Amino acid sequence: MSDSLRVNDLNNREAEISSVKVDVYSTALCPYCTMAKSLLKKKGVPYIEMRIDKNTLLRREMERRSNRTSVPQIFIADEHIGGFDDLVALDLDNRLDEILGLTEKKVG
């Protein structure tokens, strides 16, 4: 594989990834938040971290959007995914990459 082809593949992948918005509501001392962010980083997915321990308005927003009070709460393309366990379950079911836009959607 030529270097230029590899660079083009990477550029195309980055364009796909950046088109999916990922919101992570978290706190500073939450180990599950850290693990969720690590999984997203490992996949090369940018995310917006919203620290609810620094902003009570963000906490209220998170509770309204998710109907939950625990962190992390993760949204992909404005769809509530849930917490860290839910994120990992999607990954283990080989569905997370599709939701993140890292693979083509399956037909059928």
Protein backbone atom coordinates (compact mmCIF):
# COMPACT_ATOMS: atom_id res chain seq x y z
CA MET A 1 0.00 0.00 0.00
CA SER A 2 1.45 3.37 -0.96
CA ASP A 3 1.95 6.13 1.62
CA SER A 4 -0.41 8.46 -0.26
CA LEU A 5 -3.18 5.84 -0.22
CA ARG A 6 -2.67 5.31 3.51
CA VAL A 7 -2.87 9.07 4.15
CA ASN A 8 -6.07 9.31 2.08
CA ASP A 9 -7.61 6.44 4.03
CA LEU A 10 -6.75 8.19 7.30
CA ASN A 11 -8.15 11.50 6.06
CA ASN A 12 -11.39 9.80 4.98
CA ARG A 13 -11.69 8.05 8.34
CA GLU A 14 -11.10 11.31 10.23
CA ALA A 15 -13.80 13.00 8.14
CA GLU A 16 -16.26 10.22 9.03
CA ILE A 17 -15.40 10.31 12.72
CA SER A 18 -15.66 14.05 13.08
CA SER A 19 -19.19 14.02 11.65
CA VAL A 20 -20.56 12.10 14.68
CA LYS A 21 -21.13 14.25 17.75
CA VAL A 22 -20.35 12.53 21.05
CA ASP A 23 -21.23 14.15 24.39
CA VAL A 24 -19.87 12.73 27.65
CA TYR A 25 -21.24 14.10 30.93
CA SER A 26 -18.68 13.38 33.62
CA THR A 27 -17.04 14.37 36.90
CA ALA A 28 -13.38 14.65 37.84
CA LEU A 29 -13.24 11.68 40.22
CA CYS A 30 -15.38 9.19 38.30
CA PRO A 31 -13.42 6.09 37.24
CA TYR A 32 -16.20 4.98 34.87
CA CYS A 33 -16.02 8.38 33.16
CA THR A 34 -12.28 7.92 32.70
CA MET A 35 -12.78 4.43 31.24
CA ALA A 36 -15.51 5.64 28.86
CA LYS A 37 -13.32 8.49 27.61
CA SER A 38 -10.39 6.06 27.21
CA LEU A 39 -12.48 3.73 25.05
CA LEU A 40 -13.56 6.62 22.84
CA LYS A 41 -9.95 7.86 22.58
CA LYS A 42 -8.76 4.33 21.70
CA LYS A 43 -11.21 4.35 18.82
CA GLY A 44 -10.01 7.79 17.73
CA VAL A 45 -13.37 9.40 18.38
CA PRO A 46 -13.44 13.03 19.50
CA TYR A 47 -15.96 13.88 22.19
CA ILE A 48 -17.22 16.87 24.11
CA GLU A 49 -16.73 16.42 27.84
CA MET A 50 -19.23 18.23 30.02
CA ARG A 51 -18.11 18.33 33.64
CA ILE A 52 -21.23 18.40 35.79
CA ASP A 53 -19.20 18.81 38.98
CA LYS A 54 -18.16 22.25 37.76
CA ASN A 55 -21.52 23.42 36.44
CA THR A 56 -24.92 22.76 38.03
CA LEU A 57 -26.70 23.79 34.83
CA LEU A 58 -24.93 20.99 32.99
CA ARG A 59 -26.03 18.55 35.71
CA ARG A 60 -29.65 19.58 35.19
CA GLU A 61 -29.25 19.32 31.43
CA MET A 62 -27.80 15.81 31.78
CA GLU A 63 -30.63 14.71 34.06
CA ARG A 64 -33.22 16.13 31.66
CA ARG A 65 -31.66 14.50 28.60
CA SER A 66 -30.96 11.10 30.17
CA ASN A 67 -33.47 10.78 33.02
CA ARG A 68 -30.48 9.58 35.07
CA THR A 69 -28.35 11.14 37.80
CA SER A 70 -25.20 9.01 37.58
CA VAL A 71 -22.14 9.61 35.44
CA PRO A 72 -20.99 9.11 32.85
CA GLN A 73 -23.94 9.71 30.58
CA ILE A 74 -23.04 9.34 26.93
CA PHE A 75 -24.86 10.63 23.87
CA ILE A 76 -23.88 9.75 20.32
CA ALA A 77 -25.50 11.83 17.58
CA ASP A 78 -27.87 13.17 20.26
CA GLU A 79 -29.06 9.62 21.05
CA HIS A 80 -28.72 8.56 24.68
CA ILE A 81 -26.40 5.56 24.85
CA GLY A 82 -26.30 5.32 28.65
CA GLY A 83 -23.29 4.93 30.90
CA PHE A 84 -19.96 3.16 30.68
CA ASP A 85 -21.48 -0.33 30.97
CA ASP A 86 -23.87 0.44 28.10
CA LEU A 87 -20.99 1.75 25.96
CA VAL A 88 -18.94 -1.40 26.59
CA ALA A 89 -21.94 -3.65 25.89
CA LEU A 90 -22.37 -1.98 22.50
CA ASP A 91 -18.67 -2.47 21.81
CA LEU A 92 -18.77 -6.15 22.80
CA ASP A 93 -21.82 -6.63 20.55
CA ASN A 94 -19.82 -5.08 17.69
CA ARG A 95 -22.42 -2.31 17.34
CA LEU A 96 -20.49 0.65 18.75
CA ASP A 97 -18.29 1.20 15.69
CA GLU A 98 -21.38 1.34 13.48
CA ILE A 99 -23.10 3.87 15.76
CA LEU A 100 -19.91 5.95 15.80
CA GLY A 101 -19.72 5.85 12.01
CA LEU A 102 -16.49 3.86 11.98
CA THR A 103 -17.96 1.10 9.78
CA GLU A 104 -20.60 0.95 7.11
CA LYS A 105 -24.11 0.24 8.32
CA LYS A 106 -25.34 -3.29 7.75
CA VAL A 107 -28.34 -3.76 5.49
CA GLY A 108 -30.96 -6.30 6.44
